[in-house]
């Protein structure tokens, strides 16, 4: 999956706005923010052959929302995205719950 395909996939989720990077102004939960944190480039003969991006996708909700987490997990799994166990965190400062998924895309 490429980053462009991930964008299309995230826009298919109903009821959960998503953005690559950050929303331009404060967003009320629930929402999804994702971005490529790091990337690796594989080159051959001076040409880029493959670029692998390490993506961090975070679902932000008021409280832990297992149905929305399942919706995201199912969508990623159905589309062949291999991810491990998500991280779960309650952000005391912002008073929101964050579920974070880690995976790679290949462009």
PDB file of N, CA and C in Angstrom:
ATOM      1  N   UNK A   1       0.841  -1.168   0.000  1.00  0.00           N
ATOM      2  CA  UNK A   1       0.000   0.000   0.000  1.00  0.00           C
ATOM      3  C   UNK A   1       0.890   1.236   0.000  1.00  0.00           C
ATOM      4  N   UNK A   2       0.488   2.220  -0.785  1.00  0.00           N
ATOM      5  CA  UNK A   2       1.209   3.489  -0.843  1.00  0.00           C
ATOM      6  C   UNK A   2       0.551   4.497   0.091  1.00  0.00           C
ATOM      7  N   UNK A   3       1.222   5.618   0.329  1.00  0.00           N
ATOM      8  CA  UNK A   3       0.627   6.678   1.145  1.00  0.00           C
ATOM      9  C   UNK A   3      -0.630   7.241   0.477  1.00  0.00           C
ATOM     10  N   UNK A   4      -0.633   7.337  -0.849  1.00  0.00           N
ATOM     11  CA  UNK A   4      -1.818   7.826  -1.567  1.00  0.00           C
ATOM     12  C   UNK A   4      -2.988   6.859  -1.377  1.00  0.00           C
ATOM     13  N   UNK A   5      -2.708   5.560  -1.434  1.00  0.00           N
ATOM     14  CA  UNK A   5      -3.766   4.567  -1.217  1.00  0.00           C
ATOM     15  C   UNK A   5      -4.265   4.613   0.224  1.00  0.00           C
ATOM     16  N   UNK A   6      -3.364   4.871   1.171  1.00  0.00           N
ATOM     17  CA  UNK A   6      -3.763   4.995   2.572  1.00  0.00           C
ATOM     18  C   UNK A   6      -4.702   6.182   2.751  1.00  0.00           C
ATOM     19  N   UNK A   7      -4.420   7.281   2.083  1.00  0.00           N
ATOM     20  CA  UNK A   7      -5.282   8.465   2.164  1.00  0.00           C
ATOM     21  C   UNK A   7      -6.688   8.125   1.680  1.00  0.00           C
ATOM     22  N   UNK A   8      -6.786   7.420   0.565  1.00  0.00           N
ATOM     23  CA  UNK A   8      -8.090   6.997   0.032  1.00  0.00           C
ATOM     24  C   UNK A   8      -8.787   6.078   1.009  1.00  0.00           C
ATOM     25  N   UNK A   9      -8.042   5.168   1.593  1.00  0.00           N
ATOM     26  CA  UNK A   9      -8.589   4.223   2.562  1.00  0.00           C
ATOM     27  C   UNK A   9      -9.134   4.951   3.789  1.00  0.00           C
ATOM     28  N   UNK A  10      -8.376   5.908   4.309  1.00  0.00           N
ATOM     29  CA  UNK A  10      -8.815   6.646   5.496  1.00  0.00           C
ATOM     30  C   UNK A  10     -10.054   7.500   5.196  1.00  0.00           C
ATOM     31  N   UNK A  11     -10.145   8.034   3.988  1.00  0.00           N
ATOM     32  CA  UNK A  11     -11.312   8.854   3.639  1.00  0.00           C
ATOM     33  C   UNK A  11     -12.568   8.004   3.486  1.00  0.00           C
ATOM     34  N   UNK A  12     -12.408   6.685   3.372  1.00  0.00           N
ATOM     35  CA  UNK A  12     -13.572   5.806   3.245  1.00  0.00           C
ATOM     36  C   UNK A  12     -14.235   5.515   4.596  1.00  0.00           C
ATOM     37  N   UNK A  13     -13.553   5.842   5.689  1.00  0.00           N
ATOM     38  CA  UNK A  13     -14.141   5.629   7.015  1.00  0.00           C
ATOM     39  C   UNK A  13     -15.246   6.655   7.247  1.00  0.00           C
ATOM     40  N   UNK A  14     -16.426   6.175   7.581  1.00  0.00           N
ATOM     41  CA  UNK A  14     -17.540   7.099   7.802  1.00  0.00           C
ATOM     42  C   UNK A  14     -17.566   7.543   9.257  1.00  0.00           C
ATOM     43  N   UNK A  15     -17.791   8.827   9.453  1.00  0.00           N
ATOM     44  CA  UNK A  15     -17.920   9.368  10.796  1.00  0.00           C
ATOM     45  C   UNK A  15     -16.625   9.650  11.521  1.00  0.00           C
ATOM     46  N   UNK A  16     -15.488   9.427  10.853  1.00  0.00           N
ATOM     47  CA  UNK A  16     -14.198   9.698  11.492  1.00  0.00           C
ATOM     48  C   UNK A  16     -13.357  10.528  10.519  1.00  0.00           C
ATOM     49  N   UNK A  17     -13.269  11.852  10.723  1.00  0.00           N
ATOM     50  CA  UNK A  17     -12.413  12.649   9.849  1.00  0.00           C
ATOM     51  C   UNK A  17     -10.947  12.238  10.004  1.00  0.00           C
ATOM     52  N   UNK A  18     -10.199  12.311   8.907  1.00  0.00           N
ATOM     53  CA  UNK A  18      -8.785  11.951   8.981  1.00  0.00           C
ATOM     54  C   UNK A  18      -7.955  12.973   8.226  1.00  0.00           C
ATOM     55  N   UNK A  19      -6.686  13.053   8.622  1.00  0.00           N
ATOM     56  CA  UNK A  19      -5.772  14.000   7.999  1.00  0.00           C
ATOM     57  C   UNK A  19      -4.364  13.409   8.012  1.00  0.00           C
ATOM     58  N   UNK A  20      -3.615  13.709   6.942  1.00  0.00           N
ATOM     59  CA  UNK A  20      -2.192  13.396   6.942  1.00  0.00           C
ATOM     60  C   UNK A  20      -1.504  14.569   7.627  1.00  0.00           C
ATOM     61  N   UNK A  21      -0.804  14.303   8.681  1.00  0.00           N
ATOM     62  CA  UNK A  21      -0.128  15.364   9.437  1.00  0.00           C
ATOM     63  C   UNK A  21      -1.025  15.887  10.533  1.00  0.00           C
ATOM     64  N   UNK A  22      -1.422  17.147  10.403  1.00  0.00           N
ATOM     65  CA  UNK A  22      -2.200  17.791  11.457  1.00  0.00           C
ATOM     66  C   UNK A  22      -3.350  18.586  10.862  1.00  0.00           C
ATOM     67  N   UNK A  23      -4.458  18.666  11.596  1.00  0.00           N
ATOM     68  CA  UNK A  23      -5.562  19.520  11.184  1.00  0.00           C
ATOM     69  C   UNK A  23      -5.124  20.973  11.336  1.00  0.00           C
ATOM     70  N   UNK A  24      -5.556  21.868  10.432  1.00  0.00           N
ATOM     71  CA  UNK A  24      -5.131  23.267  10.518  1.00  0.00           C
ATOM     72  C   UNK A  24      -5.660  23.992  11.756  1.00  0.00           C
ATOM     73  N   UNK A  25      -6.774  23.528  12.301  1.00  0.00           N
ATOM     74  CA  UNK A  25      -7.275  24.101  13.550  1.00  0.00           C
ATOM     75  C   UNK A  25      -7.730  22.953  14.440  1.00  0.00           C
ATOM     76  N   UNK A  26      -7.962  23.250  15.696  1.00  0.00           N
ATOM     77  CA  UNK A  26      -8.316  22.210  16.659  1.00  0.00           C
ATOM     78  C   UNK A  26      -9.528  21.407  16.191  1.00  0.00           C
ATOM     79  N   UNK A  27      -9.420  20.105  16.333  1.00  0.00           N
ATOM     80  CA  UNK A  27     -10.461  19.173  15.897  1.00  0.00           C
ATOM     81  C   UNK A  27     -11.042  18.470  17.119  1.00  0.00           C
ATOM     82  N   UNK A  28     -12.350  18.352  17.176  1.00  0.00           N
ATOM     83  CA  UNK A  28     -12.986  17.606  18.254  1.00  0.00           C
ATOM     84  C   UNK A  28     -12.962  16.118  17.933  1.00  0.00           C
ATOM     85  N   UNK A  29     -12.680  15.267  18.920  1.00  0.00           N
ATOM     86  CA  UNK A  29     -12.691  13.826  18.693  1.00  0.00           C
ATOM     87  C   UNK A  29     -14.098  13.333  18.353  1.00  0.00           C
ATOM     88  N   UNK A  30     -14.210  12.248  17.611  1.00  0.00           N
ATOM     89  CA  UNK A  30     -13.131  11.377  17.148  1.00  0.00           C
ATOM     90  C   UNK A  30     -12.513  11.889  15.845  1.00  0.00           C
ATOM     91  N   UNK A  31     -11.217  11.587  15.681  1.00  0.00           N
ATOM     92  CA  UNK A  31     -10.540  11.860  14.425  1.00  0.00           C
ATOM     93  C   UNK A  31      -9.293  10.992  14.337  1.00  0.00           C
ATOM     94  N   UNK A  32      -8.754  10.943  13.116  1.00  0.00           N
ATOM     95  CA  UNK A  32      -7.543  10.169  12.850  1.00  0.00           C
ATOM     96  C   UNK A  32      -6.497  11.114  12.277  1.00  0.00           C
ATOM     97  N   UNK A  33      -5.289  11.016  12.790  1.00  0.00           N
ATOM     98  CA  UNK A  33      -4.148  11.732  12.219  1.00  0.00           C
ATOM     99  C   UNK A  33      -3.066  10.698  11.935  1.00  0.00           C
ATOM    100  N   UNK A  34      -2.469  10.779  10.761  1.00  0.00           N
ATOM    101  CA  UNK A  34      -1.416   9.820  10.411  1.00  0.00           C
ATOM    102  C   UNK A  34      -0.328  10.543   9.640  1.00  0.00           C
ATOM    103  N   UNK A  35       0.871   9.985   9.714  1.00  0.00           N
ATOM    104  CA  UNK A  35       1.981  10.536   8.941  1.00  0.00           C
ATOM    105  C   UNK A  35       3.121   9.544   8.887  1.00  0.00           C
ATOM    106  N   UNK A  36       3.962   9.728   7.873  1.00  0.00           N
ATOM    107  CA  UNK A  36       5.178   8.927   7.741  1.00  0.00           C
ATOM    108  C   UNK A  36       6.227   9.555   8.644  1.00  0.00           C
ATOM    109  N   UNK A  37       6.640   8.822   9.648  1.00  0.00           N
ATOM    110  CA  UNK A  37       7.628   9.337  10.611  1.00  0.00           C
ATOM    111  C   UNK A  37       9.044   9.255  10.050  1.00  0.00           C
ATOM    112  N   UNK A  38       9.372   8.128   9.453  1.00  0.00           N
ATOM    113  CA  UNK A  38      10.690   7.930   8.854  1.00  0.00           C
ATOM    114  C   UNK A  38      10.512   7.141   7.568  1.00  0.00           C
ATOM    115  N   UNK A  39      11.526   7.159   6.725  1.00  0.00           N
ATOM    116  CA  UNK A  39      11.444   6.362   5.506  1.00  0.00           C
ATOM    117  C   UNK A  39      12.827   5.862   5.112  1.00  0.00           C
ATOM    118  N   UNK A  40      12.797   4.798   4.324  1.00  0.00           N
ATOM    119  CA  UNK A  40      14.014   4.217   3.794  1.00  0.00           C
ATOM    120  C   UNK A  40      13.883   4.193   2.285  1.00  0.00           C
ATOM    121  N   UNK A  41      14.971   4.445   1.610  1.00  0.00           N
ATOM    122  CA  UNK A  41      14.972   4.397   0.156  1.00  0.00           C
ATOM    123  C   UNK A  41      15.893   3.276  -0.292  1.00  0.00           C
ATOM    124  N   UNK A  42      15.402   2.459  -1.204  1.00  0.00           N
ATOM    125  CA  UNK A  42      16.215   1.407  -1.797  1.00  0.00           C
ATOM    126  C   UNK A  42      16.464   1.817  -3.241  1.00  0.00           C
ATOM    127  N   UNK A  43      17.743   1.932  -3.580  1.00  0.00           N
ATOM    128  CA  UNK A  43      18.116   2.381  -4.920  1.00  0.00           C
ATOM    129  C   UNK A  43      18.982   1.339  -5.607  1.00  0.00           C
ATOM    130  N   UNK A  44      18.907   1.360  -6.922  1.00  0.00           N
ATOM    131  CA  UNK A  44      19.754   0.501  -7.736  1.00  0.00           C
ATOM    132  C   UNK A  44      20.144   1.278  -8.988  1.00  0.00           C
ATOM    133  N   UNK A  45      21.404   1.230  -9.332  1.00  0.00           N
ATOM    134  CA  UNK A  45      21.911   1.926 -10.516  1.00  0.00           C
ATOM    135  C   UNK A  45      21.549   3.413 -10.503  1.00  0.00           C
ATOM    136  N   UNK A  46      21.583   4.018  -9.327  1.00  0.00           N
ATOM    137  CA  UNK A  46      21.325   5.445  -9.209  1.00  0.00           C
ATOM    138  C   UNK A  46      19.855   5.835  -9.279  1.00  0.00           C
ATOM    139  N   UNK A  47      18.963   4.854  -9.304  1.00  0.00           N
ATOM    140  CA  UNK A  47      17.535   5.136  -9.357  1.00  0.00           C
ATOM    141  C   UNK A  47      16.845   4.607  -8.100  1.00  0.00           C
ATOM    142  N   UNK A  48      15.867   5.371  -7.610  1.00  0.00           N
ATOM    143  CA  UNK A  48      15.094   4.906  -6.466  1.00  0.00           C
ATOM    144  C   UNK A  48      14.153   3.810  -6.959  1.00  0.00           C
ATOM    145  N   UNK A  49      14.262   2.640  -6.353  1.00  0.00           N
ATOM    146  CA  UNK A  49      13.435   1.502  -6.747  1.00  0.00           C
ATOM    147  C   UNK A  49      12.218   1.400  -5.835  1.00  0.00           C
ATOM    148  N   UNK A  50      12.452   1.549  -4.545  1.00  0.00           N
ATOM    149  CA  UNK A  50      11.381   1.414  -3.558  1.00  0.00           C
ATOM    150  C   UNK A  50      11.623   2.417  -2.439  1.00  0.00           C
ATOM    151  N   UNK A  51      10.536   3.012  -1.950  1.00  0.00           N
ATOM    152  CA  UNK A  51      10.625   3.856  -0.767  1.00  0.00           C
ATOM    153  C   UNK A  51       9.659   3.279   0.265  1.00  0.00           C
ATOM    154  N   UNK A  52      10.194   2.941   1.434  1.00  0.00           N
ATOM    155  CA  UNK A  52       9.404   2.360   2.513  1.00  0.00           C
ATOM    156  C   UNK A  52       9.228   3.411   3.593  1.00  0.00           C
ATOM    157  N   UNK A  53       7.970   3.717   3.922  1.00  0.00           N
ATOM    158  CA  UNK A  53       7.676   4.718   4.944  1.00  0.00           C
ATOM    159  C   UNK A  53       7.129   4.045   6.191  1.00  0.00           C
ATOM    160  N   UNK A  54       7.638   4.443   7.355  1.00  0.00           N
ATOM    161  CA  UNK A  54       7.124   3.965   8.634  1.00  0.00           C
ATOM    162  C   UNK A  54       6.014   4.916   9.067  1.00  0.00           C
ATOM    163  N   UNK A  55       4.788   4.424   9.069  1.00  0.00           N
ATOM    164  CA  UNK A  55       3.609   5.256   9.311  1.00  0.00           C
ATOM    165  C   UNK A  55       3.118   5.082  10.741  1.00  0.00           C
ATOM    166  N   UNK A  56       2.724   6.204  11.342  1.00  0.00           N
ATOM    167  CA  UNK A  56       2.090   6.221  12.651  1.00  0.00           C
ATOM    168  C   UNK A  56       0.680   6.777  12.443  1.00  0.00           C
ATOM    169  N   UNK A  57      -0.328   5.979  12.792  1.00  0.00           N
ATOM    170  CA  UNK A  57      -1.728   6.377  12.646  1.00  0.00           C
ATOM    171  C   UNK A  57      -2.355   6.399  14.027  1.00  0.00           C
ATOM    172  N   UNK A  58      -2.938   7.541  14.410  1.00  0.00           N
ATOM    173  CA  UNK A  58      -3.509   7.683  15.744  1.00  0.00           C
ATOM    174  C   UNK A  58      -4.991   8.016  15.659  1.00  0.00           C
ATOM    175  N   UNK A  59      -5.794   7.195  16.326  1.00  0.00           N
ATOM    176  CA  UNK A  59      -7.220   7.450  16.509  1.00  0.00           C
ATOM    177  C   UNK A  59      -7.378   8.185  17.830  1.00  0.00           C
ATOM    178  N   UNK A  60      -8.001   9.363  17.795  1.00  0.00           N
ATOM    179  CA  UNK A  60      -8.211  10.161  18.998  1.00  0.00           C
ATOM    180  C   UNK A  60      -9.706  10.177  19.304  1.00  0.00           C
ATOM    181  N   UNK A  61     -10.069   9.766  20.523  1.00  0.00           N
ATOM    182  CA  UNK A  61     -11.467   9.720  20.952  1.00  0.00           C
ATOM    183  C   UNK A  61     -11.581  10.278  22.375  1.00  0.00           C
ATOM    184  N   UNK A  62     -12.799  10.573  22.801  1.00  0.00           N
ATOM    185  CA  UNK A  62     -13.017  11.064  24.170  1.00  0.00           C
ATOM    186  C   UNK A  62     -12.717   9.972  25.187  1.00  0.00           C
ATOM    187  N   UNK A  63     -13.144   8.756  24.895  1.00  0.00           N
ATOM    188  CA  UNK A  63     -12.911   7.585  25.744  1.00  0.00           C
ATOM    189  C   UNK A  63     -12.522   6.445  24.814  1.00  0.00           C
ATOM    190  N   UNK A  64     -11.961   5.406  25.360  1.00  0.00           N
ATOM    191  CA  UNK A  64     -11.590   4.281  24.511  1.00  0.00           C
ATOM    192  C   UNK A  64     -12.831   3.806  23.763  1.00  0.00           C
ATOM    193  N   UNK A  65     -12.715   3.722  22.442  1.00  0.00           N
ATOM    194  CA  UNK A  65     -13.835   3.389  21.565  1.00  0.00           C
ATOM    195  C   UNK A  65     -13.498   2.115  20.789  1.00  0.00           C
ATOM    196  N   UNK A  66     -13.821   0.975  21.374  1.00  0.00           N
ATOM    197  CA  UNK A  66     -13.470  -0.314  20.779  1.00  0.00           C
ATOM    198  C   UNK A  66     -14.123  -0.518  19.410  1.00  0.00           C
ATOM    199  N   UNK A  67     -15.399  -0.131  19.199  1.00  0.00           N
ATOM    200  CA  UNK A  67     -15.950  -0.284  17.845  1.00  0.00           C
ATOM    201  C   UNK A  67     -15.178   0.492  16.772  1.00  0.00           C
ATOM    202  N   UNK A  68     -14.721   1.697  17.076  1.00  0.00           N
ATOM    203  CA  UNK A  68     -13.932   2.464  16.102  1.00  0.00           C
ATOM    204  C   UNK A  68     -12.551   1.835  15.914  1.00  0.00           C
ATOM    205  N   UNK A  69     -11.957   1.340  16.998  1.00  0.00           N
ATOM    206  CA  UNK A  69     -10.670   0.652  16.885  1.00  0.00           C
ATOM    207  C   UNK A  69     -10.817  -0.576  15.992  1.00  0.00           C
ATOM    208  N   UNK A  70     -11.898  -1.320  16.187  1.00  0.00           N
ATOM    209  CA  UNK A  70     -12.156  -2.519  15.378  1.00  0.00           C
ATOM    210  C   UNK A  70     -12.372  -2.139  13.920  1.00  0.00           C
ATOM    211  N   UNK A  71     -13.086  -1.045  13.688  1.00  0.00           N
ATOM    212  CA  UNK A  71     -13.328  -0.574  12.324  1.00  0.00           C
ATOM    213  C   UNK A  71     -12.003  -0.286  11.610  1.00  0.00           C
ATOM    214  N   UNK A  72     -11.090   0.384  12.307  1.00  0.00           N
ATOM    215  CA  UNK A  72      -9.782   0.697  11.716  1.00  0.00           C
ATOM    216  C   UNK A  72      -8.965  -0.575  11.517  1.00  0.00           C
ATOM    217  N   UNK A  73      -8.905  -1.423  12.537  1.00  0.00           N
ATOM    218  CA  UNK A  73      -8.141  -2.673  12.436  1.00  0.00           C
ATOM    219  C   UNK A  73      -8.656  -3.536  11.288  1.00  0.00           C
ATOM    220  N   UNK A  74      -9.974  -3.648  11.167  1.00  0.00           N
ATOM    221  CA  UNK A  74     -10.564  -4.446  10.092  1.00  0.00           C
ATOM    222  C   UNK A  74     -10.246  -3.853   8.724  1.00  0.00           C
ATOM    223  N   UNK A  75     -10.324  -2.527   8.613  1.00  0.00           N
ATOM    224  CA  UNK A  75     -10.032  -1.865   7.346  1.00  0.00           C
ATOM    225  C   UNK A  75      -8.580  -2.090   6.937  1.00  0.00           C
ATOM    226  N   UNK A  76      -7.658  -1.941   7.879  1.00  0.00           N
ATOM    227  CA  UNK A  76      -6.240  -2.172   7.584  1.00  0.00           C
ATOM    228  C   UNK A  76      -5.996  -3.630   7.208  1.00  0.00           C
ATOM    229  N   UNK A  77      -6.560  -4.553   7.978  1.00  0.00           N
ATOM    230  CA  UNK A  77      -6.364  -5.981   7.721  1.00  0.00           C
ATOM    231  C   UNK A  77      -6.931  -6.382   6.363  1.00  0.00           C
ATOM    232  N   UNK A  78      -8.141  -5.939   6.068  1.00  0.00           N
ATOM    233  CA  UNK A  78      -8.793  -6.258   4.799  1.00  0.00           C
ATOM    234  C   UNK A  78      -7.971  -5.771   3.611  1.00  0.00           C
ATOM    235  N   UNK A  79      -7.238  -4.691   3.805  1.00  0.00           N
ATOM    236  CA  UNK A  79      -6.442  -4.117   2.719  1.00  0.00           C
ATOM    237  C   UNK A  79      -4.974  -4.523   2.772  1.00  0.00           C
ATOM    238  N   UNK A  80      -4.677  -5.565   3.531  1.00  0.00           N
ATOM    239  CA  UNK A  80      -3.340  -6.154   3.527  1.00  0.00           C
ATOM    240  C   UNK A  80      -2.276  -5.371   4.272  1.00  0.00           C
ATOM    241  N   UNK A  81      -2.699  -4.511   5.191  1.00  0.00           N
ATOM    242  CA  UNK A  81      -1.731  -3.736   5.970  1.00  0.00           C
ATOM    243  C   UNK A  81      -1.375  -4.529   7.221  1.00  0.00           C
ATOM    244  N   UNK A  82      -0.100  -4.853   7.361  1.00  0.00           N
ATOM    245  CA  UNK A  82       0.395  -5.622   8.495  1.00  0.00           C
ATOM    246  C   UNK A  82       0.784  -4.658   9.615  1.00  0.00           C
ATOM    247  N   UNK A  83       0.084  -4.771  10.739  1.00  0.00           N
ATOM    248  CA  UNK A  83       0.390  -3.906  11.885  1.00  0.00           C
ATOM    249  C   UNK A  83       0.412  -4.778  13.135  1.00  0.00           C
ATOM    250  N   UNK A  84       1.136  -4.330  14.121  1.00  0.00           N
ATOM    251  CA  UNK A  84       1.205  -5.061  15.381  1.00  0.00           C
ATOM    252  C   UNK A  84       0.122  -4.586  16.338  1.00  0.00           C
ATOM    253  N   UNK A  85       0.266  -4.953  17.582  1.00  0.00           N
ATOM    254  CA  UNK A  85      -0.678  -4.521  18.611  1.00  0.00           C
ATOM    255  C   UNK A  85      -0.597  -3.010  18.760  1.00  0.00           C
ATOM    256  N   UNK A  86      -1.735  -2.305  18.686  1.00  0.00           N
ATOM    257  CA  UNK A  86      -1.697  -0.846  18.852  1.00  0.00           C
ATOM    258  C   UNK A  86      -1.322  -0.451  20.280  1.00  0.00           C
ATOM    259  N   UNK A  87      -0.857   0.785  20.430  1.00  0.00           N
ATOM    260  CA  UNK A  87      -0.615   1.355  21.756  1.00  0.00           C
ATOM    261  C   UNK A  87      -1.874   2.089  22.198  1.00  0.00           C
ATOM    262  N   UNK A  88      -2.186   2.006  23.486  1.00  0.00           N
ATOM    263  CA  UNK A  88      -3.352   2.674  24.058  1.00  0.00           C
ATOM    264  C   UNK A  88      -2.873   3.638  25.131  1.00  0.00           C
ATOM    265  N   UNK A  89      -3.394   4.881  25.095  1.00  0.00           N
ATOM    266  CA  UNK A  89      -2.932   5.896  26.042  1.00  0.00           C
ATOM    267  C   UNK A  89      -4.066   6.886  26.319  1.00  0.00           C
ATOM    268  N   UNK A  90      -4.202   7.290  27.581  1.00  0.00           N
ATOM    269  CA  UNK A  90      -5.090   8.400  27.905  1.00  0.00           C
ATOM    270  C   UNK A  90      -4.218   9.613  28.153  1.00  0.00           C
ATOM    271  N   UNK A  91      -4.417  10.649  27.363  1.00  0.00           N
ATOM    272  CA  UNK A  91      -3.633  11.879  27.471  1.00  0.00           C
ATOM    273  C   UNK A  91      -4.284  12.777  28.520  1.00  0.00           C
ATOM    274  N   UNK A  92      -3.673  12.856  29.682  1.00  0.00           N
ATOM    275  CA  UNK A  92      -4.209  13.635  30.805  1.00  0.00           C
ATOM    276  C   UNK A  92      -4.300  15.126  30.479  1.00  0.00           C
ATOM    277  N   UNK A  93      -3.353  15.626  29.717  1.00  0.00           N
ATOM    278  CA  UNK A  93      -3.330  17.047  29.384  1.00  0.00           C
ATOM    279  C   UNK A  93      -4.516  17.425  28.489  1.00  0.00           C
ATOM    280  N   UNK A  94      -4.716  16.641  27.435  1.00  0.00           N
ATOM    281  CA  UNK A  94      -5.783  16.943  26.479  1.00  0.00           C
ATOM    282  C   UNK A  94      -7.107  16.279  26.829  1.00  0.00           C
ATOM    283  N   UNK A  95      -7.076  15.354  27.793  1.00  0.00           N
ATOM    284  CA  UNK A  95      -8.269  14.610  28.218  1.00  0.00           C
ATOM    285  C   UNK A  95      -8.886  13.831  27.056  1.00  0.00           C
ATOM    286  N   UNK A  96      -8.033  13.138  26.294  1.00  0.00           N
ATOM    287  CA  UNK A  96      -8.482  12.306  25.188  1.00  0.00           C
ATOM    288  C   UNK A  96      -7.777  10.951  25.243  1.00  0.00           C
ATOM    289  N   UNK A  97      -8.394   9.968  24.605  1.00  0.00           N
ATOM    290  CA  UNK A  97      -7.794   8.639  24.493  1.00  0.00           C
ATOM    291  C   UNK A  97      -7.164   8.516  23.111  1.00  0.00           C
ATOM    292  N   UNK A  98      -5.974   7.933  23.064  1.00  0.00           N
ATOM    293  CA  UNK A  98      -5.273   7.755  21.793  1.00  0.00           C
ATOM    294  C   UNK A  98      -4.949   6.284  21.578  1.00  0.00           C
ATOM    295  N   UNK A  99      -5.346   5.781  20.429  1.00  0.00           N
ATOM    296  CA  UNK A  99      -4.993   4.429  19.998  1.00  0.00           C
ATOM    297  C   UNK A  99      -4.084   4.595  18.792  1.00  0.00           C
ATOM    298  N   UNK A 100      -2.852   4.094  18.885  1.00  0.00           N
ATOM    299  CA  UNK A 100      -1.852   4.334  17.846  1.00  0.00           C
ATOM    300  C   UNK A 100      -1.429   3.027  17.188  1.00  0.00           C
ATOM    301  N   UNK A 101      -1.483   3.042  15.850  1.00  0.00           N
ATOM    302  CA  UNK A 101      -1.098   1.895  15.028  1.00  0.00           C
ATOM    303  C   UNK A 101       0.209   2.232  14.310  1.00  0.00           C
ATOM    304  N   UNK A 102       1.053   1.215  14.145  1.00  0.00           N
ATOM    305  CA  UNK A 102       2.347   1.387  13.474  1.00  0.00           C
ATOM    306  C   UNK A 102       2.418   0.379  12.330  1.00  0.00           C
ATOM    307  N   UNK A 103       2.783   0.851  11.131  1.00  0.00           N
ATOM    308  CA  UNK A 103       2.921  -0.039   9.985  1.00  0.00           C
ATOM    309  C   UNK A 103       3.742   0.651   8.915  1.00  0.00           C
ATOM    310  N   UNK A 104       3.960  -0.039   7.808  1.00  0.00           N
ATOM    311  CA  UNK A 104       4.759   0.524   6.717  1.00  0.00           C
ATOM    312  C   UNK A 104       3.945   0.605   5.427  1.00  0.00           C
ATOM    313  N   UNK A 105       4.284   1.593   4.613  1.00  0.00           N
ATOM    314  CA  UNK A 105       3.749   1.667   3.263  1.00  0.00           C
ATOM    315  C   UNK A 105       4.934   1.586   2.313  1.00  0.00           C
ATOM    316  N   UNK A 106       4.662   1.149   1.097  1.00  0.00           N
ATOM    317  CA  UNK A 106       5.713   1.024   0.101  1.00  0.00           C
ATOM    318  C   UNK A 106       5.297   1.806  -1.133  1.00  0.00           C
ATOM    319  N   UNK A 107       6.105   2.794  -1.485  1.00  0.00           N
ATOM    320  CA  UNK A 107       5.837   3.600  -2.687  1.00  0.00           C
ATOM    321  C   UNK A 107       6.816   3.237  -3.779  1.00  0.00           C
TER     322      UNK A 107
END
